[in-house]
Amino acid sequence: MAVNLDKCRKTSIHEDAVSDCLDDQLHDTEVLSLSQSFKALADPTRIRILSNLIRRELCVCDLAEILGMTQSAVSHQLRTLRMMRIVKNRREGNTVYYTCDDAHITGLLQLGIDHIKHIE
């Protein structure tokens, strides 16, 4: 018979452990906000965009060229990132430049990059 390693063989609640965790549960709004942040990082195109914006400020044309995508497709992803306040933009004449606007997200992305390089 196979042993299920994901489940206790005998039910016994560790009251101190449960109490420690119950005292500091995330609120539903925090869970939703965190989930949305990770969702933003779960898209391969947005990861590619952000990994370039970590290096330097870039315009839509530059990103489209770097990523081999249309400006429209890049713009769509940037709009999503801007609405989530992960990137910000500035206009210079007819050109719109983008940079990362959230150091926490930048840190998470860099940690993820470091992690994959470590495990490879």
C-alpha atoms as a PDB file:
ATOM      1  CA  MET A   1       0.000   0.000   0.000  1.00  0.00           C
ATOM      2  CA  ALA A   2       1.365   3.424  -0.998  1.00  0.00           C
ATOM      3  CA  VAL A   3       1.873   5.958   1.783  1.00  0.00           C
ATOM      4  CA  ASN A   4       0.413   9.415   1.160  1.00  0.00           C
ATOM      5  CA  LEU A   5       3.226  11.779   2.156  1.00  0.00           C
ATOM      6  CA  ASP A   6       0.996  14.848   1.830  1.00  0.00           C
ATOM      7  CA  LYS A   7      -1.274  13.840   4.683  1.00  0.00           C
ATOM      8  CA  CYS A   8      -0.842  13.011   8.389  1.00  0.00           C
ATOM      9  CA  ARG A   9      -1.346   9.365   9.216  1.00  0.00           C
ATOM     10  CA  LYS A  10      -2.938  10.285  12.512  1.00  0.00           C
ATOM     11  CA  THR A  11      -4.976  13.391  13.184  1.00  0.00           C
ATOM     12  CA  SER A  12      -3.559  15.365  16.078  1.00  0.00           C
ATOM     13  CA  ILE A  13      -3.818  19.125  16.165  1.00  0.00           C
ATOM     14  CA  HIS A  14      -0.771  21.011  17.455  1.00  0.00           C
ATOM     15  CA  GLU A  15      -2.610  23.780  19.305  1.00  0.00           C
ATOM     16  CA  ASP A  16       0.442  26.051  19.695  1.00  0.00           C
ATOM     17  CA  ALA A  17       1.266  25.902  15.991  1.00  0.00           C
ATOM     18  CA  VAL A  18      -2.342  26.527  14.977  1.00  0.00           C
ATOM     19  CA  SER A  19      -2.648  29.399  17.475  1.00  0.00           C
ATOM     20  CA  ASP A  20       0.568  31.050  16.219  1.00  0.00           C
ATOM     21  CA  CYS A  21      -0.726  31.023  12.642  1.00  0.00           C
ATOM     22  CA  LEU A  22      -4.301  32.038  13.435  1.00  0.00           C
ATOM     23  CA  ASP A  23      -3.098  35.102  15.321  1.00  0.00           C
ATOM     24  CA  ASP A  24      -1.602  36.659  12.196  1.00  0.00           C
ATOM     25  CA  GLN A  25      -3.656  35.584   9.170  1.00  0.00           C
ATOM     26  CA  LEU A  26      -3.654  37.783   6.077  1.00  0.00           C
ATOM     27  CA  HIS A  27      -6.893  39.649   5.459  1.00  0.00           C
ATOM     28  CA  ASP A  28      -8.857  38.720   2.323  1.00  0.00           C
ATOM     29  CA  THR A  29      -7.977  42.068   0.712  1.00  0.00           C
ATOM     30  CA  GLU A  30      -4.273  41.417   1.326  1.00  0.00           C
ATOM     31  CA  VAL A  31      -4.518  37.929  -0.153  1.00  0.00           C
ATOM     32  CA  LEU A  32      -6.276  39.291  -3.248  1.00  0.00           C
ATOM     33  CA  SER A  33      -3.760  42.102  -3.706  1.00  0.00           C
ATOM     34  CA  LEU A  34      -0.819  39.729  -3.318  1.00  0.00           C
ATOM     35  CA  SER A  35      -2.405  37.278  -5.731  1.00  0.00           C
ATOM     36  CA  GLN A  36      -2.812  40.033  -8.320  1.00  0.00           C
ATOM     37  CA  SER A  37       0.835  41.034  -7.936  1.00  0.00           C
ATOM     38  CA  PHE A  38       1.984  37.466  -8.522  1.00  0.00           C
ATOM     39  CA  LYS A  39      -0.448  37.187 -11.428  1.00  0.00           C
ATOM     40  CA  ALA A  40       1.288  40.156 -13.052  1.00  0.00           C
ATOM     41  CA  LEU A  41       4.575  38.294 -12.756  1.00  0.00           C
ATOM     42  CA  ALA A  42       3.063  35.030 -14.021  1.00  0.00           C
ATOM     43  CA  ASP A  43       2.868  36.238 -17.619  1.00  0.00           C
ATOM     44  CA  PRO A  44       6.004  35.496 -19.719  1.00  0.00           C
ATOM     45  CA  THR A  45       5.666  38.676 -21.799  1.00  0.00           C
ATOM     46  CA  ARG A  46       5.354  40.880 -18.725  1.00  0.00           C
ATOM     47  CA  ILE A  47       8.392  39.180 -17.192  1.00  0.00           C
ATOM     48  CA  ARG A  48      10.387  39.906 -20.347  1.00  0.00           C
ATOM     49  CA  ILE A  49       9.226  43.540 -20.329  1.00  0.00           C
ATOM     50  CA  LEU A  50      10.056  44.020 -16.654  1.00  0.00           C
ATOM     51  CA  SER A  51      13.425  42.297 -16.925  1.00  0.00           C
ATOM     52  CA  ASN A  52      14.387  44.918 -19.509  1.00  0.00           C
ATOM     53  CA  LEU A  53      12.880  47.839 -17.590  1.00  0.00           C
ATOM     54  CA  ILE A  54      14.945  46.820 -14.557  1.00  0.00           C
ATOM     55  CA  ARG A  55      18.034  47.628 -16.636  1.00  0.00           C
ATOM     56  CA  ARG A  56      16.910  51.024 -17.935  1.00  0.00           C
ATOM     57  CA  GLU A  57      14.119  53.277 -19.094  1.00  0.00           C
ATOM     58  CA  LEU A  58      12.792  52.217 -22.504  1.00  0.00           C
ATOM     59  CA  CYS A  59      10.148  53.413 -24.930  1.00  0.00           C
ATOM     60  CA  VAL A  60       7.485  51.194 -26.476  1.00  0.00           C
ATOM     61  CA  CYS A  61       9.385  51.099 -29.789  1.00  0.00           C
ATOM     62  CA  ASP A  62      12.559  49.905 -28.055  1.00  0.00           C
ATOM     63  CA  LEU A  63      10.701  47.196 -26.122  1.00  0.00           C
ATOM     64  CA  ALA A  64       8.925  46.020 -29.270  1.00  0.00           C
ATOM     65  CA  GLU A  65      12.270  45.693 -31.045  1.00  0.00           C
ATOM     66  CA  ILE A  66      13.969  43.925 -28.116  1.00  0.00           C
ATOM     67  CA  LEU A  67      11.092  41.468 -27.650  1.00  0.00           C
ATOM     68  CA  GLY A  68      10.279  40.932 -31.335  1.00  0.00           C
ATOM     69  CA  MET A  69       6.674  42.006 -30.782  1.00  0.00           C
ATOM     70  CA  THR A  70       4.364  44.615 -32.223  1.00  0.00           C
ATOM     71  CA  GLN A  71       4.146  47.975 -30.481  1.00  0.00           C
ATOM     72  CA  SER A  72       0.454  47.324 -29.963  1.00  0.00           C
ATOM     73  CA  ALA A  73       1.107  44.051 -28.109  1.00  0.00           C
ATOM     74  CA  VAL A  74       3.785  45.661 -25.937  1.00  0.00           C
ATOM     75  CA  SER A  75       1.525  48.644 -25.264  1.00  0.00           C
ATOM     76  CA  HIS A  76      -1.259  46.335 -24.116  1.00  0.00           C
ATOM     77  CA  GLN A  77       1.025  44.654 -21.565  1.00  0.00           C
ATOM     78  CA  LEU A  78       2.446  47.989 -20.411  1.00  0.00           C
ATOM     79  CA  ARG A  79      -1.078  49.309 -19.862  1.00  0.00           C
ATOM     80  CA  THR A  80      -1.776  46.329 -17.591  1.00  0.00           C
ATOM     81  CA  LEU A  81       1.468  46.908 -15.671  1.00  0.00           C
ATOM     82  CA  ARG A  82       0.756  50.647 -15.413  1.00  0.00           C
ATOM     83  CA  MET A  83      -2.761  50.047 -14.074  1.00  0.00           C
ATOM     84  CA  MET A  84      -1.225  47.821 -11.407  1.00  0.00           C
ATOM     85  CA  ARG A  85       1.280  50.617 -10.625  1.00  0.00           C
ATOM     86  CA  ILE A  86       4.217  48.346 -11.438  1.00  0.00           C
ATOM     87  CA  VAL A  87       5.545  50.635 -14.186  1.00  0.00           C
ATOM     88  CA  LYS A  88       5.247  54.342 -14.785  1.00  0.00           C
ATOM     89  CA  ASN A  89       5.605  56.368 -17.935  1.00  0.00           C
ATOM     90  CA  ARG A  90       6.689  59.790 -19.043  1.00  0.00           C
ATOM     91  CA  ARG A  91       6.149  61.511 -22.340  1.00  0.00           C
ATOM     92  CA  GLU A  92       8.917  63.272 -24.224  1.00  0.00           C
ATOM     93  CA  GLY A  93       7.451  64.763 -27.393  1.00  0.00           C
ATOM     94  CA  ASN A  94       5.857  61.876 -29.301  1.00  0.00           C
ATOM     95  CA  THR A  95       7.727  59.212 -27.351  1.00  0.00           C
ATOM     96  CA  VAL A  96       6.508  57.497 -24.174  1.00  0.00           C
ATOM     97  CA  TYR A  97       9.198  56.067 -21.909  1.00  0.00           C
ATOM     98  CA  TYR A  98       8.598  53.411 -19.259  1.00  0.00           C
ATOM     99  CA  THR A  99      10.417  52.485 -16.065  1.00  0.00           C
ATOM    100  CA  CYS A 100       9.699  50.160 -13.154  1.00  0.00           C
ATOM    101  CA  ASP A 101       7.750  51.971 -10.454  1.00  0.00           C
ATOM    102  CA  ASP A 102       7.590  49.387  -7.684  1.00  0.00           C
ATOM    103  CA  ALA A 103      10.792  48.410  -5.919  1.00  0.00           C
ATOM    104  CA  HIS A 104       9.056  45.478  -4.228  1.00  0.00           C
ATOM    105  CA  ILE A 105       8.001  43.938  -7.552  1.00  0.00           C
ATOM    106  CA  THR A 106      11.462  44.617  -8.959  1.00  0.00           C
ATOM    107  CA  GLY A 107      12.938  42.839  -5.945  1.00  0.00           C
ATOM    108  CA  LEU A 108      10.601  39.863  -6.370  1.00  0.00           C
ATOM    109  CA  LEU A 109      11.501  39.620 -10.044  1.00  0.00           C
ATOM    110  CA  GLN A 110      15.223  39.807  -9.272  1.00  0.00           C
ATOM    111  CA  LEU A 111      14.837  37.140  -6.565  1.00  0.00           C
ATOM    112  CA  GLY A 112      13.056  34.930  -9.096  1.00  0.00           C
ATOM    113  CA  ILE A 113      15.823  35.456 -11.652  1.00  0.00           C
ATOM    114  CA  ASP A 114      18.473  34.676  -9.030  1.00  0.00           C
ATOM    115  CA  HIS A 115      16.530  31.578  -8.007  1.00  0.00           C
ATOM    116  CA  ILE A 116      16.291  30.106 -11.513  1.00  0.00           C
ATOM    117  CA  LYS A 117      19.973  30.771 -12.140  1.00  0.00           C
ATOM    118  CA  HIS A 118      20.784  29.053  -8.849  1.00  0.00           C
ATOM    119  CA  ILE A 119      18.778  25.883  -9.567  1.00  0.00           C
ATOM    120  CA  GLU A 120      19.921  25.486 -13.188  1.00  0.00           C
END
